[in-house]
Amino acid sequence: MDKLIFIVDDNDANLTMAASALEADYKVLTMPSAQKMFALLEKKKPDLILLDIEMPDMTGLEAIVILKENPQNSGIPVLFITGWSDDKLISDAKKLGALDVINKPIVKSVLLENVKKYV
């Protein structure tokens, strides 16, 4: 359980669901915004970030651009979580550096399977 995963989502229910799905196998830190993620990145480096696309203040797409521009953080794998099923949005997410996109509502087995691919 030494792998650290950041879960970034503005919805408490999504944070709770994703954390409960992963905490038996990983160390999990949840945060409600990309701003909180960036503040925590100054202190801790996760092995993977699960990042919601649709958030107020800063979207996941905006956040991944900033993340990937920083050489210290650019190698951190990112999986997006979204309620959208728009092919263009998913394509854009991957072009910006996301490894994959997981659809909401989160299904525990799908989340675990995807996380295990990259951690």
PDB file of N, CA and C in Angstrom:
ATOM      1  N   MET A   1       0.826  -1.198   0.000  1.00  0.00           N
ATOM      2  CA  MET A   1       0.000   0.000   0.000  1.00  0.00           C
ATOM      3  C   MET A   1       0.868   1.260   0.000  1.00  0.00           C
ATOM      4  N   ASP A   2       1.981   1.225  -0.698  1.00  0.00           N
ATOM      5  CA  ASP A   2       2.869   2.373  -0.705  1.00  0.00           C
ATOM      6  C   ASP A   2       2.619   3.324  -1.873  1.00  0.00           C
ATOM      7  N   LYS A   3       1.752   2.965  -2.786  1.00  0.00           N
ATOM      8  CA  LYS A   3       1.436   3.839  -3.924  1.00  0.00           C
ATOM      9  C   LYS A   3       0.419   4.887  -3.499  1.00  0.00           C
ATOM     10  N   LEU A   4       0.679   6.146  -3.869  1.00  0.00           N
ATOM     11  CA  LEU A   4      -0.186   7.261  -3.483  1.00  0.00           C
ATOM     12  C   LEU A   4      -1.007   7.724  -4.684  1.00  0.00           C
ATOM     13  N   ILE A   5      -2.305   7.863  -4.467  1.00  0.00           N
ATOM     14  CA  ILE A   5      -3.210   8.344  -5.512  1.00  0.00           C
ATOM     15  C   ILE A   5      -3.927   9.588  -5.014  1.00  0.00           C
ATOM     16  N   PHE A   6      -3.896  10.636  -5.836  1.00  0.00           N
ATOM     17  CA  PHE A   6      -4.694  11.837  -5.585  1.00  0.00           C
ATOM     18  C   PHE A   6      -6.018  11.669  -6.325  1.00  0.00           C
ATOM     19  N   ILE A   7      -7.116  11.965  -5.644  1.00  0.00           N
ATOM     20  CA  ILE A   7      -8.425  11.993  -6.298  1.00  0.00           C
ATOM     21  C   ILE A   7      -8.928  13.429  -6.201  1.00  0.00           C
ATOM     22  N   VAL A   8      -9.181  14.056  -7.351  1.00  0.00           N
ATOM     23  CA  VAL A   8      -9.584  15.460  -7.399  1.00  0.00           C
ATOM     24  C   VAL A   8     -10.962  15.552  -8.047  1.00  0.00           C
ATOM     25  N   ASP A   9     -11.951  15.958  -7.243  1.00  0.00           N
ATOM     26  CA  ASP A   9     -13.322  16.055  -7.733  1.00  0.00           C
ATOM     27  C   ASP A   9     -14.070  17.021  -6.826  1.00  0.00           C
ATOM     28  N   ASP A  10     -14.915  17.854  -7.391  1.00  0.00           N
ATOM     29  CA  ASP A  10     -15.665  18.825  -6.586  1.00  0.00           C
ATOM     30  C   ASP A  10     -16.901  18.212  -5.934  1.00  0.00           C
ATOM     31  N   ASN A  11     -17.183  16.944  -6.218  1.00  0.00           N
ATOM     32  CA  ASN A  11     -18.356  16.279  -5.671  1.00  0.00           C
ATOM     33  C   ASN A  11     -17.931  15.315  -4.555  1.00  0.00           C
ATOM     34  N   ASP A  12     -18.407  15.567  -3.334  1.00  0.00           N
ATOM     35  CA  ASP A  12     -18.028  14.739  -2.187  1.00  0.00           C
ATOM     36  C   ASP A  12     -18.387  13.270  -2.374  1.00  0.00           C
ATOM     37  N   ALA A  13     -19.528  13.000  -2.970  1.00  0.00           N
ATOM     38  CA  ALA A  13     -19.953  11.610  -3.174  1.00  0.00           C
ATOM     39  C   ALA A  13     -18.973  10.875  -4.090  1.00  0.00           C
ATOM     40  N   ASN A  14     -18.502  11.541  -5.133  1.00  0.00           N
ATOM     41  CA  ASN A  14     -17.528  10.928  -6.039  1.00  0.00           C
ATOM     42  C   ASN A  14     -16.197  10.683  -5.332  1.00  0.00           C
ATOM     43  N   LEU A  15     -15.776  11.652  -4.514  1.00  0.00           N
ATOM     44  CA  LEU A  15     -14.531  11.483  -3.760  1.00  0.00           C
ATOM     45  C   LEU A  15     -14.634  10.279  -2.832  1.00  0.00           C
ATOM     46  N   THR A  16     -15.752  10.172  -2.135  1.00  0.00           N
ATOM     47  CA  THR A  16     -15.956   9.079  -1.189  1.00  0.00           C
ATOM     48  C   THR A  16     -15.995   7.734  -1.904  1.00  0.00           C
ATOM     49  N   MET A  17     -16.712   7.660  -3.006  1.00  0.00           N
ATOM     50  CA  MET A  17     -16.826   6.411  -3.758  1.00  0.00           C
ATOM     51  C   MET A  17     -15.465   5.961  -4.292  1.00  0.00           C
ATOM     52  N   ALA A  18     -14.745   6.877  -4.916  1.00  0.00           N
ATOM     53  CA  ALA A  18     -13.442   6.526  -5.490  1.00  0.00           C
ATOM     54  C   ALA A  18     -12.454   6.142  -4.389  1.00  0.00           C
ATOM     55  N   ALA A  19     -12.453   6.888  -3.301  1.00  0.00           N
ATOM     56  CA  ALA A  19     -11.538   6.586  -2.197  1.00  0.00           C
ATOM     57  C   ALA A  19     -11.844   5.212  -1.598  1.00  0.00           C
ATOM     58  N   SER A  20     -13.119   4.920  -1.375  1.00  0.00           N
ATOM     59  CA  SER A  20     -13.474   3.630  -0.773  1.00  0.00           C
ATOM     60  C   SER A  20     -13.127   2.473  -1.706  1.00  0.00           C
ATOM     61  N   ALA A  21     -13.180   2.710  -3.007  1.00  0.00           N
ATOM     62  CA  ALA A  21     -12.829   1.664  -3.972  1.00  0.00           C
ATOM     63  C   ALA A  21     -11.328   1.365  -3.970  1.00  0.00           C
ATOM     64  N   LEU A  22     -10.526   2.370  -3.639  1.00  0.00           N
ATOM     65  CA  LEU A  22      -9.077   2.241  -3.787  1.00  0.00           C
ATOM     66  C   LEU A  22      -8.301   2.081  -2.485  1.00  0.00           C
ATOM     67  N   GLU A  23      -8.873   2.495  -1.353  1.00  0.00           N
ATOM     68  CA  GLU A  23      -8.073   2.599  -0.140  1.00  0.00           C
ATOM     69  C   GLU A  23      -7.593   1.267   0.436  1.00  0.00           C
ATOM     70  N   ALA A  24      -8.164   0.152   0.015  1.00  0.00           N
ATOM     71  CA  ALA A  24      -7.653  -1.137   0.477  1.00  0.00           C
ATOM     72  C   ALA A  24      -6.304  -1.466  -0.170  1.00  0.00           C
ATOM     73  N   ASP A  25      -6.064  -0.920  -1.353  1.00  0.00           N
ATOM     74  CA  ASP A  25      -4.848  -1.237  -2.109  1.00  0.00           C
ATOM     75  C   ASP A  25      -3.858  -0.086  -2.239  1.00  0.00           C
ATOM     76  N   TYR A  26      -4.313   1.130  -1.983  1.00  0.00           N
ATOM     77  CA  TYR A  26      -3.475   2.312  -2.197  1.00  0.00           C
ATOM     78  C   TYR A  26      -3.652   3.318  -1.067  1.00  0.00           C
ATOM     79  N   LYS A  27      -2.658   4.178  -0.920  1.00  0.00           N
ATOM     80  CA  LYS A  27      -2.828   5.339  -0.052  1.00  0.00           C
ATOM     81  C   LYS A  27      -3.549   6.382  -0.900  1.00  0.00           C
ATOM     82  N   VAL A  28      -4.619   6.952  -0.377  1.00  0.00           N
ATOM     83  CA  VAL A  28      -5.472   7.847  -1.156  1.00  0.00           C
ATOM     84  C   VAL A  28      -5.606   9.191  -0.444  1.00  0.00           C
ATOM     85  N   LEU A  29      -5.426  10.262  -1.186  1.00  0.00           N
ATOM     86  CA  LEU A  29      -5.709  11.605  -0.687  1.00  0.00           C
ATOM     87  C   LEU A  29      -6.741  12.232  -1.603  1.00  0.00           C
ATOM     88  N   THR A  30      -7.811  12.760  -1.015  1.00  0.00           N
ATOM     89  CA  THR A  30      -8.868  13.383  -1.807  1.00  0.00           C
ATOM     90  C   THR A  30      -8.798  14.892  -1.644  1.00  0.00           C
ATOM     91  N   MET A  31      -9.174  15.588  -2.704  1.00  0.00           N
ATOM     92  CA  MET A  31      -9.223  17.046  -2.655  1.00  0.00           C
ATOM     93  C   MET A  31     -10.327  17.551  -3.563  1.00  0.00           C
ATOM     94  N   PRO A  32     -10.986  18.665  -3.173  1.00  0.00           N
ATOM     95  CA  PRO A  32     -12.166  19.140  -3.894  1.00  0.00           C
ATOM     96  C   PRO A  32     -11.881  20.083  -5.064  1.00  0.00           C
ATOM     97  N   SER A  33     -10.607  20.371  -5.348  1.00  0.00           N
ATOM     98  CA  SER A  33     -10.321  21.314  -6.437  1.00  0.00           C
ATOM     99  C   SER A  33      -8.902  21.120  -6.957  1.00  0.00           C
ATOM    100  N   ALA A  34      -8.679  21.600  -8.172  1.00  0.00           N
ATOM    101  CA  ALA A  34      -7.337  21.554  -8.759  1.00  0.00           C
ATOM    102  C   ALA A  34      -6.376  22.451  -7.978  1.00  0.00           C
ATOM    103  N   GLN A  35      -6.879  23.565  -7.444  1.00  0.00           N
ATOM    104  CA  GLN A  35      -6.026  24.451  -6.653  1.00  0.00           C
ATOM    105  C   GLN A  35      -5.456  23.711  -5.445  1.00  0.00           C
ATOM    106  N   LYS A  36      -6.297  22.925  -4.766  1.00  0.00           N
ATOM    107  CA  LYS A  36      -5.836  22.139  -3.615  1.00  0.00           C
ATOM    108  C   LYS A  36      -4.816  21.092  -4.074  1.00  0.00           C
ATOM    109  N   MET A  37      -5.048  20.507  -5.250  1.00  0.00           N
ATOM    110  CA  MET A  37      -4.111  19.527  -5.788  1.00  0.00           C
ATOM    111  C   MET A  37      -2.741  20.157  -5.994  1.00  0.00           C
ATOM    112  N   PHE A  38      -2.705  21.328  -6.609  1.00  0.00           N
ATOM    113  CA  PHE A  38      -1.423  21.978  -6.869  1.00  0.00           C
ATOM    114  C   PHE A  38      -0.713  22.360  -5.572  1.00  0.00           C
ATOM    115  N   ALA A  39      -1.466  22.773  -4.564  1.00  0.00           N
ATOM    116  CA  ALA A  39      -0.868  23.094  -3.263  1.00  0.00           C
ATOM    117  C   ALA A  39      -0.243  21.840  -2.646  1.00  0.00           C
ATOM    118  N   LEU A  40      -0.933  20.716  -2.750  1.00  0.00           N
ATOM    119  CA  LEU A  40      -0.425  19.474  -2.181  1.00  0.00           C
ATOM    120  C   LEU A  40       0.747  18.912  -2.986  1.00  0.00           C
ATOM    121  N   LEU A  41       0.774  19.171  -4.279  1.00  0.00           N
ATOM    122  CA  LEU A  41       1.879  18.698  -5.124  1.00  0.00           C
ATOM    123  C   LEU A  41       3.216  19.305  -4.707  1.00  0.00           C
ATOM    124  N   GLU A  42       3.177  20.431  -4.012  1.00  0.00           N
ATOM    125  CA  GLU A  42       4.420  21.028  -3.525  1.00  0.00           C
ATOM    126  C   GLU A  42       5.032  20.197  -2.401  1.00  0.00           C
ATOM    127  N   LYS A  43       4.203  19.353  -1.748  1.00  0.00           N
ATOM    128  CA  LYS A  43       4.664  18.561  -0.610  1.00  0.00           C
ATOM    129  C   LYS A  43       4.742  17.068  -0.904  1.00  0.00           C
ATOM    130  N   LYS A  44       3.840  16.582  -1.764  1.00  0.00           N
ATOM    131  CA  LYS A  44       3.757  15.139  -2.043  1.00  0.00           C
ATOM    132  C   LYS A  44       3.635  14.905  -3.543  1.00  0.00           C
ATOM    133  N   LYS A  45       4.253  13.811  -3.994  1.00  0.00           N
ATOM    134  CA  LYS A  45       4.147  13.426  -5.397  1.00  0.00           C
ATOM    135  C   LYS A  45       3.378  12.107  -5.491  1.00  0.00           C
ATOM    136  N   PRO A  46       2.192  12.130  -6.096  1.00  0.00           N
ATOM    137  CA  PRO A  46       1.418  10.895  -6.225  1.00  0.00           C
ATOM    138  C   PRO A  46       1.939  10.016  -7.359  1.00  0.00           C
ATOM    139  N   ASP A  47       1.571   8.762  -7.297  1.00  0.00           N
ATOM    140  CA  ASP A  47       1.893   7.824  -8.373  1.00  0.00           C
ATOM    141  C   ASP A  47       0.863   7.902  -9.490  1.00  0.00           C
ATOM    142  N   LEU A  48      -0.305   8.516  -9.187  1.00  0.00           N
ATOM    143  CA  LEU A  48      -1.384   8.658 -10.160  1.00  0.00           C
ATOM    144  C   LEU A  48      -2.340   9.735  -9.662  1.00  0.00           C
ATOM    145  N   ILE A  49      -2.912  10.484 -10.601  1.00  0.00           N
ATOM    146  CA  ILE A  49      -3.949  11.457 -10.265  1.00  0.00           C
ATOM    147  C   ILE A  49      -5.224  11.080 -11.000  1.00  0.00           C
ATOM    148  N   LEU A  50      -6.317  10.954 -10.254  1.00  0.00           N
ATOM    149  CA  LEU A  50      -7.653  10.809 -10.831  1.00  0.00           C
ATOM    150  C   LEU A  50      -8.255  12.204 -10.801  1.00  0.00           C
ATOM    151  N   LEU A  51      -8.557  12.755 -11.955  1.00  0.00           N
ATOM    152  CA  LEU A  51      -8.919  14.158 -12.069  1.00  0.00           C
ATOM    153  C   LEU A  51     -10.261  14.332 -12.771  1.00  0.00           C
ATOM    154  N   ASP A  52     -11.189  14.964 -12.073  1.00  0.00           N
ATOM    155  CA  ASP A  52     -12.495  15.272 -12.662  1.00  0.00           C
ATOM    156  C   ASP A  52     -12.301  16.318 -13.754  1.00  0.00           C
ATOM    157  N   ILE A  53     -13.029  16.207 -14.839  1.00  0.00           N
ATOM    158  CA  ILE A  53     -12.919  17.193 -15.919  1.00  0.00           C
ATOM    159  C   ILE A  53     -13.734  18.437 -15.599  1.00  0.00           C
ATOM    160  N   GLU A  54     -14.958  18.247 -15.156  1.00  0.00           N
ATOM    161  CA  GLU A  54     -15.882  19.378 -14.977  1.00  0.00           C
ATOM    162  C   GLU A  54     -15.891  19.829 -13.516  1.00  0.00           C
ATOM    163  N   MET A  55     -15.126  20.900 -13.244  1.00  0.00           N
ATOM    164  CA  MET A  55     -15.073  21.472 -11.894  1.00  0.00           C
ATOM    165  C   MET A  55     -15.143  22.992 -12.012  1.00  0.00           C
ATOM    166  N   PRO A  56     -15.684  23.664 -10.989  1.00  0.00           N
ATOM    167  CA  PRO A  56     -15.703  25.124 -11.008  1.00  0.00           C
ATOM    168  C   PRO A  56     -14.280  25.662 -10.782  1.00  0.00           C
ATOM    169  N   ASP A  57     -14.087  26.920 -11.089  1.00  0.00           N
ATOM    170  CA  ASP A  57     -12.800  27.605 -10.916  1.00  0.00           C
ATOM    171  C   ASP A  57     -11.743  27.152 -11.916  1.00  0.00           C
ATOM    172  N   MET A  58     -11.385  25.854 -11.917  1.00  0.00           N
ATOM    173  CA  MET A  58     -10.419  25.342 -12.874  1.00  0.00           C
ATOM    174  C   MET A  58     -10.856  23.940 -13.288  1.00  0.00           C
ATOM    175  N   THR A  59     -11.050  23.751 -14.585  1.00  0.00           N
ATOM    176  CA  THR A  59     -11.457  22.424 -15.067  1.00  0.00           C
ATOM    177  C   THR A  59     -10.267  21.474 -15.040  1.00  0.00           C
ATOM    178  N   GLY A  60     -10.565  20.192 -15.141  1.00  0.00           N
ATOM    179  CA  GLY A  60      -9.503  19.205 -15.227  1.00  0.00           C
ATOM    180  C   GLY A  60      -8.637  19.398 -16.462  1.00  0.00           C
ATOM    181  N   LEU A  61      -9.248  19.843 -17.558  1.00  0.00           N
ATOM    182  CA  LEU A  61      -8.475  20.086 -18.785  1.00  0.00           C
ATOM    183  C   LEU A  61      -7.489  21.230 -18.585  1.00  0.00           C
ATOM    184  N   GLU A  62      -7.924  22.287 -17.910  1.00  0.00           N
ATOM    185  CA  GLU A  62      -7.010  23.396 -17.603  1.00  0.00           C
ATOM    186  C   GLU A  62      -5.910  22.937 -16.647  1.00  0.00           C
ATOM    187  N   ALA A  63      -6.281  22.117 -15.672  1.00  0.00           N
ATOM    188  CA  ALA A  63      -5.322  21.651 -14.671  1.00  0.00           C
ATOM    189  C   ALA A  63      -4.244  20.755 -15.278  1.00  0.00           C
ATOM    190  N   ILE A  64      -4.618  19.881 -16.213  1.00  0.00           N
ATOM    191  CA  ILE A  64      -3.615  18.977 -16.782  1.00  0.00           C
ATOM    192  C   ILE A  64      -2.599  19.747 -17.622  1.00  0.00           C
ATOM    193  N   VAL A  65      -3.031  20.815 -18.258  1.00  0.00           N
ATOM    194  CA  VAL A  65      -2.094  21.644 -19.030  1.00  0.00           C
ATOM    195  C   VAL A  65      -1.031  22.214 -18.095  1.00  0.00           C
ATOM    196  N   ILE A  66      -1.462  22.764 -16.967  1.00  0.00           N
ATOM    197  CA  ILE A  66      -0.532  23.330 -15.987  1.00  0.00           C
ATOM    198  C   ILE A  66       0.362  22.234 -15.402  1.00  0.00           C
ATOM    199  N   LEU A  67      -0.230  21.100 -15.090  1.00  0.00           N
ATOM    200  CA  LEU A  67       0.510  19.970 -14.524  1.00  0.00           C
ATOM    201  C   LEU A  67       1.616  19.515 -15.469  1.00  0.00           C
ATOM    202  N   LYS A  68       1.277  19.332 -16.734  1.00  0.00           N
ATOM    203  CA  LYS A  68       2.229  18.795 -17.708  1.00  0.00           C
ATOM    204  C   LYS A  68       3.299  19.823 -18.105  1.00  0.00           C
ATOM    205  N   GLU A  69       3.028  21.126 -17.897  1.00  0.00           N
ATOM    206  CA  GLU A  69       4.025  22.160 -18.196  1.00  0.00           C
ATOM    207  C   GLU A  69       5.142  22.200 -17.159  1.00  0.00           C
ATOM    208  N   ASN A  70       4.889  21.674 -15.968  1.00  0.00           N
ATOM    209  CA  ASN A  70       5.868  21.694 -14.889  1.00  0.00           C
ATOM    210  C   ASN A  70       6.717  20.418 -14.963  1.00  0.00           C
ATOM    211  N   PRO A  71       8.030  20.551 -15.221  1.00  0.00           N
ATOM    212  CA  PRO A  71       8.876  19.356 -15.356  1.00  0.00           C
ATOM    213  C   PRO A  71       8.854  18.435 -14.128  1.00  0.00           C
ATOM    214  N   GLN A  72       8.637  18.987 -12.948  1.00  0.00           N
ATOM    215  CA  GLN A  72       8.600  18.171 -11.730  1.00  0.00           C
ATOM    216  C   GLN A  72       7.344  17.294 -11.673  1.00  0.00           C
ATOM    217  N   ASN A  73       6.282  17.714 -12.352  1.00  0.00           N
ATOM    218  CA  ASN A  73       5.009  16.983 -12.284  1.00  0.00           C
ATOM    219  C   ASN A  73       4.599  16.336 -13.602  1.00  0.00           C
ATOM    220  N   SER A  74       5.307  16.634 -14.672  1.00  0.00           N
ATOM    221  CA  SER A  74       4.859  16.214 -16.001  1.00  0.00           C
ATOM    222  C   SER A  74       4.791  14.705 -16.175  1.00  0.00           C
ATOM    223  N   GLY A  75       5.546  13.953 -15.390  1.00  0.00           N
ATOM    224  CA  GLY A  75       5.548  12.499 -15.519  1.00  0.00           C
ATOM    225  C   GLY A  75       4.477  11.786 -14.713  1.00  0.00           C
ATOM    226  N   ILE A  76       3.703  12.529 -13.923  1.00  0.00           N
ATOM    227  CA  ILE A  76       2.664  11.902 -13.108  1.00  0.00           C
ATOM    228  C   ILE A  76       1.508  11.461 -14.010  1.00  0.00           C
ATOM    229  N   PRO A  77       1.154  10.179 -13.985  1.00  0.00           N
ATOM    230  CA  PRO A  77       0.039   9.711 -14.814  1.00  0.00           C
ATOM    231  C   PRO A  77      -1.292  10.317 -14.350  1.00  0.00           C
ATOM    232  N   VAL A  78      -2.143  10.654 -15.325  1.00  0.00           N
ATOM    233  CA  VAL A  78      -3.455  11.234 -15.026  1.00  0.00           C
ATOM    234  C   VAL A  78      -4.538  10.421 -15.721  1.00  0.00           C
ATOM    235  N   LEU A  79      -5.550  10.051 -14.942  1.00  0.00           N
ATOM    236  CA  LEU A  79      -6.768   9.463 -15.489  1.00  0.00           C
ATOM    237  C   LEU A  79      -7.880  10.462 -15.220  1.00  0.00           C
ATOM    238  N   PHE A  80      -8.627  10.806 -16.240  1.00  0.00           N
ATOM    239  CA  PHE A  80      -9.759  11.705 -16.037  1.00  0.00           C
ATOM    240  C   PHE A  80     -10.986  10.911 -15.622  1.00  0.00           C
ATOM    241  N   ILE A  81     -11.819  11.577 -14.826  1.00  0.00           N
ATOM    242  CA  ILE A  81     -13.126  11.043 -14.433  1.00  0.00           C
ATOM    243  C   ILE A  81     -14.150  12.046 -14.947  1.00  0.00           C
ATOM    244  N   THR A  82     -15.177  11.568 -15.639  1.00  0.00           N
ATOM    245  CA  THR A  82     -16.157  12.512 -16.170  1.00  0.00           C
ATOM    246  C   THR A  82     -17.537  11.887 -16.329  1.00  0.00           C
ATOM    247  N   GLY A  83     -18.520  12.719 -16.235  1.00  0.00           N
ATOM    248  CA  GLY A  83     -19.884  12.308 -16.518  1.00  0.00           C
ATOM    249  C   GLY A  83     -20.231  12.511 -17.983  1.00  0.00           C
ATOM    250  N   TRP A  84     -19.335  13.148 -18.718  1.00  0.00           N
ATOM    251  CA  TRP A  84     -19.556  13.404 -20.135  1.00  0.00           C
ATOM    252  C   TRP A  84     -19.147  12.199 -20.962  1.00  0.00           C
ATOM    253  N   SER A  85     -19.841  11.953 -22.048  1.00  0.00           N
ATOM    254  CA  SER A  85     -19.447  10.859 -22.941  1.00  0.00           C
ATOM    255  C   SER A  85     -19.162  11.384 -24.341  1.00  0.00           C
ATOM    256  N   ASP A  86     -18.783  12.631 -24.419  1.00  0.00           N
ATOM    257  CA  ASP A  86     -18.477  13.312 -25.669  1.00  0.00           C
ATOM    258  C   ASP A  86     -17.130  12.823 -26.222  1.00  0.00           C
ATOM    259  N   ASP A  87     -17.141  12.262 -27.419  1.00  0.00           N
ATOM    260  CA  ASP A  87     -15.912  11.735 -28.020  1.00  0.00           C
ATOM    261  C   ASP A  87     -14.845  12.805 -28.189  1.00  0.00           C
ATOM    262  N   LYS A  88     -15.239  14.017 -28.561  1.00  0.00           N
ATOM    263  CA  LYS A  88     -14.264  15.092 -28.743  1.00  0.00           C
ATOM    264  C   LYS A  88     -13.603  15.448 -27.411  1.00  0.00           C
ATOM    265  N   LEU A  89     -14.384  15.509 -26.358  1.00  0.00           N
ATOM    266  CA  LEU A  89     -13.841  15.817 -25.036  1.00  0.00           C
ATOM    267  C   LEU A  89     -12.834  14.744 -24.614  1.00  0.00           C
ATOM    268  N   ILE A  90     -13.175  13.497 -24.834  1.00  0.00           N
ATOM    269  CA  ILE A  90     -12.276  12.395 -24.480  1.00  0.00           C
ATOM    270  C   ILE A  90     -11.009  12.455 -25.322  1.00  0.00           C
ATOM    271  N   SER A  91     -11.146  12.748 -26.593  1.00  0.00           N
ATOM    272  CA  SER A  91      -9.993  12.890 -27.475  1.00  0.00           C
ATOM    273  C   SER A  91      -9.108  14.049 -27.021  1.00  0.00           C
ATOM    274  N   ASP A  92      -9.735  15.178 -26.687  1.00  0.00           N
ATOM    275  CA  ASP A  92      -8.972  16.344 -26.204  1.00  0.00           C
ATOM    276  C   ASP A  92      -8.231  16.005 -24.918  1.00  0.00           C
ATOM    277  N   ALA A  93      -8.870  15.279 -24.014  1.00  0.00           N
ATOM    278  CA  ALA A  93      -8.254  14.903 -22.741  1.00  0.00           C
ATOM    279  C   ALA A  93      -6.992  14.074 -22.985  1.00  0.00           C
ATOM    280  N   LYS A  94      -7.074  13.148 -23.906  1.00  0.00           N
ATOM    281  CA  LYS A  94      -5.916  12.304 -24.211  1.00  0.00           C
ATOM    282  C   LYS A  94      -4.815  13.103 -24.901  1.00  0.00           C
ATOM    283  N   LYS A  95      -5.180  14.037 -25.764  1.00  0.00           N
ATOM    284  CA  LYS A  95      -4.180  14.877 -26.425  1.00  0.00           C
ATOM    285  C   LYS A  95      -3.422  15.738 -25.419  1.00  0.00           C
ATOM    286  N   LEU A  96      -4.095  16.106 -24.333  1.00  0.00           N
ATOM    287  CA  LEU A  96      -3.463  16.928 -23.303  1.00  0.00           C
ATOM    288  C   LEU A  96      -2.587  16.112 -22.356  1.00  0.00           C
ATOM    289  N   GLY A  97      -2.642  14.798 -22.474  1.00  0.00           N
ATOM    290  CA  GLY A  97      -1.748  13.970 -21.676  1.00  0.00           C
ATOM    291  C   GLY A  97      -2.405  12.964 -20.753  1.00  0.00           C
ATOM    292  N   ALA A  98      -3.724  12.891 -20.736  1.00  0.00           N
ATOM    293  CA  ALA A  98      -4.399  11.893 -19.906  1.00  0.00           C
ATOM    294  C   ALA A  98      -4.190  10.504 -20.510  1.00  0.00           C
ATOM    295  N   LEU A  99      -4.005   9.519 -19.659  1.00  0.00           N
ATOM    296  CA  LEU A  99      -3.831   8.156 -20.140  1.00  0.00           C
ATOM    297  C   LEU A  99      -5.148   7.538 -20.576  1.00  0.00           C
ATOM    298  N   ASP A 100      -6.222   7.906 -19.854  1.00  0.00           N
ATOM    299  CA  ASP A 100      -7.525   7.352 -20.172  1.00  0.00           C
ATOM    300  C   ASP A 100      -8.600   8.186 -19.493  1.00  0.00           C
ATOM    301  N   VAL A 101      -9.847   7.857 -19.797  1.00  0.00           N
ATOM    302  CA  VAL A 101     -10.992   8.556 -19.224  1.00  0.00           C
ATOM    303  C   VAL A 101     -11.941   7.515 -18.647  1.00  0.00           C
ATOM    304  N   ILE A 102     -12.325   7.703 -17.389  1.00  0.00           N
ATOM    305  CA  ILE A 102     -13.261   6.810 -16.706  1.00  0.00           C
ATOM    306  C   ILE A 102     -14.588   7.545 -16.581  1.00  0.00           C
ATOM    307  N   ASN A 103     -15.654   6.883 -16.979  1.00  0.00           N
ATOM    308  CA  ASN A 103     -16.974   7.520 -16.934  1.00  0.00           C
ATOM    309  C   ASN A 103     -17.625   7.406 -15.562  1.00  0.00           C
ATOM    310  N   LYS A 104     -18.378   8.457 -15.226  1.00  0.00           N
ATOM    311  CA  LYS A 104     -19.211   8.450 -14.024  1.00  0.00           C
ATOM    312  C   LYS A 104     -20.585   7.965 -14.439  1.00  0.00           C
ATOM    313  N   PRO A 105     -21.356   7.376 -13.578  1.00  0.00           N
ATOM    314  CA  PRO A 105     -20.987   7.106 -12.192  1.00  0.00           C
ATOM    315  C   PRO A 105     -19.864   6.072 -12.122  1.00  0.00           C
ATOM    316  N   ILE A 106     -19.018   6.238 -11.113  1.00  0.00           N
ATOM    317  CA  ILE A 106     -17.852   5.380 -10.952  1.00  0.00           C
ATOM    318  C   ILE A 106     -18.298   3.964 -10.577  1.00  0.00           C
ATOM    319  N   VAL A 107     -17.774   3.002 -11.309  1.00  0.00           N
ATOM    320  CA  VAL A 107     -17.996   1.587 -11.009  1.00  0.00           C
ATOM    321  C   VAL A 107     -16.691   1.076 -10.402  1.00  0.00           C
ATOM    322  N   LYS A 108     -16.775   0.553  -9.191  1.00  0.00           N
ATOM    323  CA  LYS A 108     -15.578   0.164  -8.444  1.00  0.00           C
ATOM    324  C   LYS A 108     -14.642  -0.737  -9.250  1.00  0.00           C
ATOM    325  N   SER A 109     -15.172  -1.778  -9.878  1.00  0.00           N
ATOM    326  CA  SER A 109     -14.328  -2.723 -10.617  1.00  0.00           C
ATOM    327  C   SER A 109     -13.628  -2.050 -11.805  1.00  0.00           C
ATOM    328  N   VAL A 110     -14.335  -1.160 -12.483  1.00  0.00           N
ATOM    329  CA  VAL A 110     -13.749  -0.442 -13.630  1.00  0.00           C
ATOM    330  C   VAL A 110     -12.647   0.499 -13.151  1.00  0.00           C
ATOM    331  N   LEU A 111     -12.908   1.195 -12.055  1.00  0.00           N
ATOM    332  CA  LEU A 111     -11.904   2.101 -11.493  1.00  0.00           C
ATOM    333  C   LEU A 111     -10.651   1.330 -11.097  1.00  0.00           C
ATOM    334  N   LEU A 112     -10.817   0.240 -10.355  1.00  0.00           N
ATOM    335  CA  LEU A 112      -9.666  -0.561  -9.925  1.00  0.00           C
ATOM    336  C   LEU A 112      -8.877  -1.104 -11.113  1.00  0.00           C
ATOM    337  N   GLU A 113      -9.577  -1.594 -12.101  1.00  0.00           N
ATOM    338  CA  GLU A 113      -8.928  -2.145 -13.293  1.00  0.00           C
ATOM    339  C   GLU A 113      -8.086  -1.080 -13.999  1.00  0.00           C
ATOM    340  N   ASN A 114      -8.638   0.113 -14.147  1.00  0.00           N
ATOM    341  CA  ASN A 114      -7.915   1.194 -14.812  1.00  0.00           C
ATOM    342  C   ASN A 114      -6.724   1.663 -14.001  1.00  0.00           C
ATOM    343  N   VAL A 115      -6.893   1.817 -12.704  1.00  0.00           N
ATOM    344  CA  VAL A 115      -5.798   2.270 -11.850  1.00  0.00           C
ATOM    345  C   VAL A 115      -4.659   1.246 -11.881  1.00  0.00           C
ATOM    346  N   LYS A 116      -4.984  -0.036 -11.800  1.00  0.00           N
ATOM    347  CA  LYS A 116      -3.952  -1.075 -11.794  1.00  0.00           C
ATOM    348  C   LYS A 116      -3.135  -1.099 -13.099  1.00  0.00           C
ATOM    349  N   LYS A 117      -3.730  -0.651 -14.194  1.00  0.00           N
ATOM    350  CA  LYS A 117      -3.018  -0.593 -15.473  1.00  0.00           C
ATOM    351  C   LYS A 117      -1.826   0.370 -15.401  1.00  0.00           C
ATOM    352  N   TYR A 118      -1.970   1.438 -14.604  1.00  0.00           N
ATOM    353  CA  TYR A 118      -1.004   2.532 -14.654  1.00  0.00           C
ATOM    354  C   TYR A 118      -0.191   2.733 -13.387  1.00  0.00           C
ATOM    355  N   VAL A 119      -0.515   2.015 -12.315  1.00  0.00           N
ATOM    356  CA  VAL A 119       0.238   2.186 -11.055  1.00  0.00           C
ATOM    357  C   VAL A 119       0.965   0.906 -10.739  1.00  0.00           C
TER     358      VAL A 119
END
